Every structure is written in C-alpha cells, then in structure tokens.
C-alpha cells in the first residue's frame, strides 16, 4: 500500500494526527501554546515501519501549522530529522 492511499486523521481533542491501518495506529502528538505547535512524539508500530507513514504524519502536522500560522517547535527526533531533510516544507 502506498502512503498516498492512507488518510491522516487530525484529532484536535487528543492533540494528535493519526493513521490507522489494520489494527495498528501510528501517531504524531503535539501541544498547542498561544501561536506555537510543539511536536512531542511520533509513534509508528513496527508492523507499519518502512512505509513512509511517519513522514506522512509529519507532513500533515507541518501543513496544519502553516495553515494556522503557527510557529513550529519540536521535541521529537523524527520531526527534527524530517525537517532537516525537507527544509522547505
């Protein structure tokens, strides 16, 4: 399955972005404070690794931040690594 076939679900009440596949859930968690979104943790179950799902979640989170004029702060190594590889997103 291509990650373009997957849907990212934004759950603002849980402060997370999620992808659900089979019985597994991958997620990007965050906190909001004034005009800043802080990405705290990315979780991709081992069964879903290597499919680009983590990157799909981070792209969705960064798109949300941009659309809502939020500054981005990260406490998550995966988000940091993604931003280093994709500085224009």
C-alpha atoms as a PDB file:
ATOM      1  CA  UNK A   1       0.000   0.000   0.000  1.00  0.00           C
ATOM      2  CA  UNK A   2       1.311   3.412  -0.953  1.00  0.00           C
ATOM      3  CA  UNK A   3       1.187   6.108   1.680  1.00  0.00           C
ATOM      4  CA  UNK A   4      -0.855   8.189  -0.789  1.00  0.00           C
ATOM      5  CA  UNK A   5      -3.635   5.660  -0.185  1.00  0.00           C
ATOM      6  CA  UNK A   6      -3.576   6.398   3.538  1.00  0.00           C
ATOM      7  CA  UNK A   7      -5.574   9.077   5.299  1.00  0.00           C
ATOM      8  CA  UNK A   8      -4.226  11.192   8.131  1.00  0.00           C
ATOM      9  CA  UNK A   9      -6.868  11.908  10.744  1.00  0.00           C
ATOM     10  CA  UNK A  10      -6.465  15.037  12.853  1.00  0.00           C
ATOM     11  CA  UNK A  11      -7.855  14.618  16.362  1.00  0.00           C
ATOM     12  CA  UNK A  12      -7.584  18.076  17.947  1.00  0.00           C
ATOM     13  CA  UNK A  13      -9.180  16.956  21.219  1.00  0.00           C
ATOM     14  CA  UNK A  14      -6.425  14.333  21.590  1.00  0.00           C
ATOM     15  CA  UNK A  15      -3.783  16.653  20.134  1.00  0.00           C
ATOM     16  CA  UNK A  16      -2.652  14.111  17.586  1.00  0.00           C
ATOM     17  CA  UNK A  17      -2.538  13.213  13.930  1.00  0.00           C
ATOM     18  CA  UNK A  18      -3.167   9.522  13.240  1.00  0.00           C
ATOM     19  CA  UNK A  19      -3.006   6.930  10.502  1.00  0.00           C
ATOM     20  CA  UNK A  20      -4.921   3.729  11.140  1.00  0.00           C
ATOM     21  CA  UNK A  21      -4.146   0.590   9.204  1.00  0.00           C
ATOM     22  CA  UNK A  22      -5.479  -2.844  10.058  1.00  0.00           C
ATOM     23  CA  UNK A  23      -5.355  -2.993  13.856  1.00  0.00           C
ATOM     24  CA  UNK A  24      -2.451  -0.537  14.131  1.00  0.00           C
ATOM     25  CA  UNK A  25      -2.349   3.190  14.796  1.00  0.00           C
ATOM     26  CA  UNK A  26       0.575   5.476  14.001  1.00  0.00           C
ATOM     27  CA  UNK A  27       0.509   8.929  15.541  1.00  0.00           C
ATOM     28  CA  UNK A  28       2.162  12.311  15.821  1.00  0.00           C
ATOM     29  CA  UNK A  29       1.428  14.003  19.153  1.00  0.00           C
ATOM     30  CA  UNK A  30       1.632  17.714  19.863  1.00  0.00           C
ATOM     31  CA  UNK A  31       0.866  20.523  22.306  1.00  0.00           C
ATOM     32  CA  UNK A  32      -0.515  23.946  21.439  1.00  0.00           C
ATOM     33  CA  UNK A  33       0.516  27.080  23.271  1.00  0.00           C
ATOM     34  CA  UNK A  34      -0.546  30.500  22.017  1.00  0.00           C
ATOM     35  CA  UNK A  35       0.925  30.717  18.496  1.00  0.00           C
ATOM     36  CA  UNK A  36       3.195  27.654  18.701  1.00  0.00           C
ATOM     37  CA  UNK A  37       2.703  23.971  17.997  1.00  0.00           C
ATOM     38  CA  UNK A  38       5.191  21.677  19.702  1.00  0.00           C
ATOM     39  CA  UNK A  39       5.526  18.223  18.222  1.00  0.00           C
ATOM     40  CA  UNK A  40       6.328  15.889  21.096  1.00  0.00           C
ATOM     41  CA  UNK A  41       6.370  12.342  19.803  1.00  0.00           C
ATOM     42  CA  UNK A  42       5.951  10.244  16.683  1.00  0.00           C
ATOM     43  CA  UNK A  43       4.926   6.606  17.064  1.00  0.00           C
ATOM     44  CA  UNK A  44       4.859   4.127  14.207  1.00  0.00           C
ATOM     45  CA  UNK A  45       4.263   0.492  15.198  1.00  0.00           C
ATOM     46  CA  UNK A  46       6.956  -1.901  13.981  1.00  0.00           C
ATOM     47  CA  UNK A  47       4.445  -3.593  11.660  1.00  0.00           C
ATOM     48  CA  UNK A  48       3.979  -0.284   9.789  1.00  0.00           C
ATOM     49  CA  UNK A  49       7.606   0.854   9.626  1.00  0.00           C
ATOM     50  CA  UNK A  50       9.262   1.492   6.290  1.00  0.00           C
ATOM     51  CA  UNK A  51       6.096   2.652   4.518  1.00  0.00           C
ATOM     52  CA  UNK A  52       6.616   6.405   4.884  1.00  0.00           C
ATOM     53  CA  UNK A  53       3.815   6.721   7.427  1.00  0.00           C
ATOM     54  CA  UNK A  54       5.909   8.745   9.871  1.00  0.00           C
ATOM     55  CA  UNK A  55       6.761  11.213   7.121  1.00  0.00           C
ATOM     56  CA  UNK A  56       3.105  11.372   6.088  1.00  0.00           C
ATOM     57  CA  UNK A  57       2.166  12.299   9.668  1.00  0.00           C
ATOM     58  CA  UNK A  58       4.861  14.974   9.924  1.00  0.00           C
ATOM     59  CA  UNK A  59       3.830  16.498   6.576  1.00  0.00           C
ATOM     60  CA  UNK A  60       0.243  16.711   7.831  1.00  0.00           C
ATOM     61  CA  UNK A  61       1.359  18.326  11.089  1.00  0.00           C
ATOM     62  CA  UNK A  62       3.541  20.880   9.310  1.00  0.00           C
ATOM     63  CA  UNK A  63       0.742  21.646   6.840  1.00  0.00           C
ATOM     64  CA  UNK A  64      -1.633  22.239   9.755  1.00  0.00           C
ATOM     65  CA  UNK A  65       0.916  24.557  11.384  1.00  0.00           C
ATOM     66  CA  UNK A  66       1.359  26.540   8.168  1.00  0.00           C
ATOM     67  CA  UNK A  67      -2.377  26.819   7.511  1.00  0.00           C
ATOM     68  CA  UNK A  68      -2.917  28.120  11.054  1.00  0.00           C
ATOM     69  CA  UNK A  69       0.100  30.458  11.138  1.00  0.00           C
ATOM     70  CA  UNK A  70       1.693  28.530  13.996  1.00  0.00           C
ATOM     71  CA  UNK A  71       5.369  28.562  14.862  1.00  0.00           C
ATOM     72  CA  UNK A  72       6.824  25.064  14.929  1.00  0.00           C
ATOM     73  CA  UNK A  73       8.842  23.679  17.809  1.00  0.00           C
ATOM     74  CA  UNK A  74       9.909  20.068  18.066  1.00  0.00           C
ATOM     75  CA  UNK A  75      10.857  17.782  20.922  1.00  0.00           C
ATOM     76  CA  UNK A  76      10.770  14.764  18.591  1.00  0.00           C
ATOM     77  CA  UNK A  77      13.875  13.448  16.844  1.00  0.00           C
ATOM     78  CA  UNK A  78      11.816  12.138  13.908  1.00  0.00           C
ATOM     79  CA  UNK A  79      10.234  15.546  13.254  1.00  0.00           C
ATOM     80  CA  UNK A  80      13.687  17.166  13.517  1.00  0.00           C
ATOM     81  CA  UNK A  81      15.166  14.696  11.043  1.00  0.00           C
ATOM     82  CA  UNK A  82      12.261  15.183   8.626  1.00  0.00           C
ATOM     83  CA  UNK A  83      12.637  18.986   8.754  1.00  0.00           C
ATOM     84  CA  UNK A  84      16.370  18.718   8.095  1.00  0.00           C
ATOM     85  CA  UNK A  85      15.697  16.611   5.005  1.00  0.00           C
ATOM     86  CA  UNK A  86      12.802  18.791   3.810  1.00  0.00           C
ATOM     87  CA  UNK A  87      13.679  22.369   4.826  1.00  0.00           C
ATOM     88  CA  UNK A  88      11.121  23.972   2.506  1.00  0.00           C
ATOM     89  CA  UNK A  89       8.091  22.261   3.988  1.00  0.00           C
END
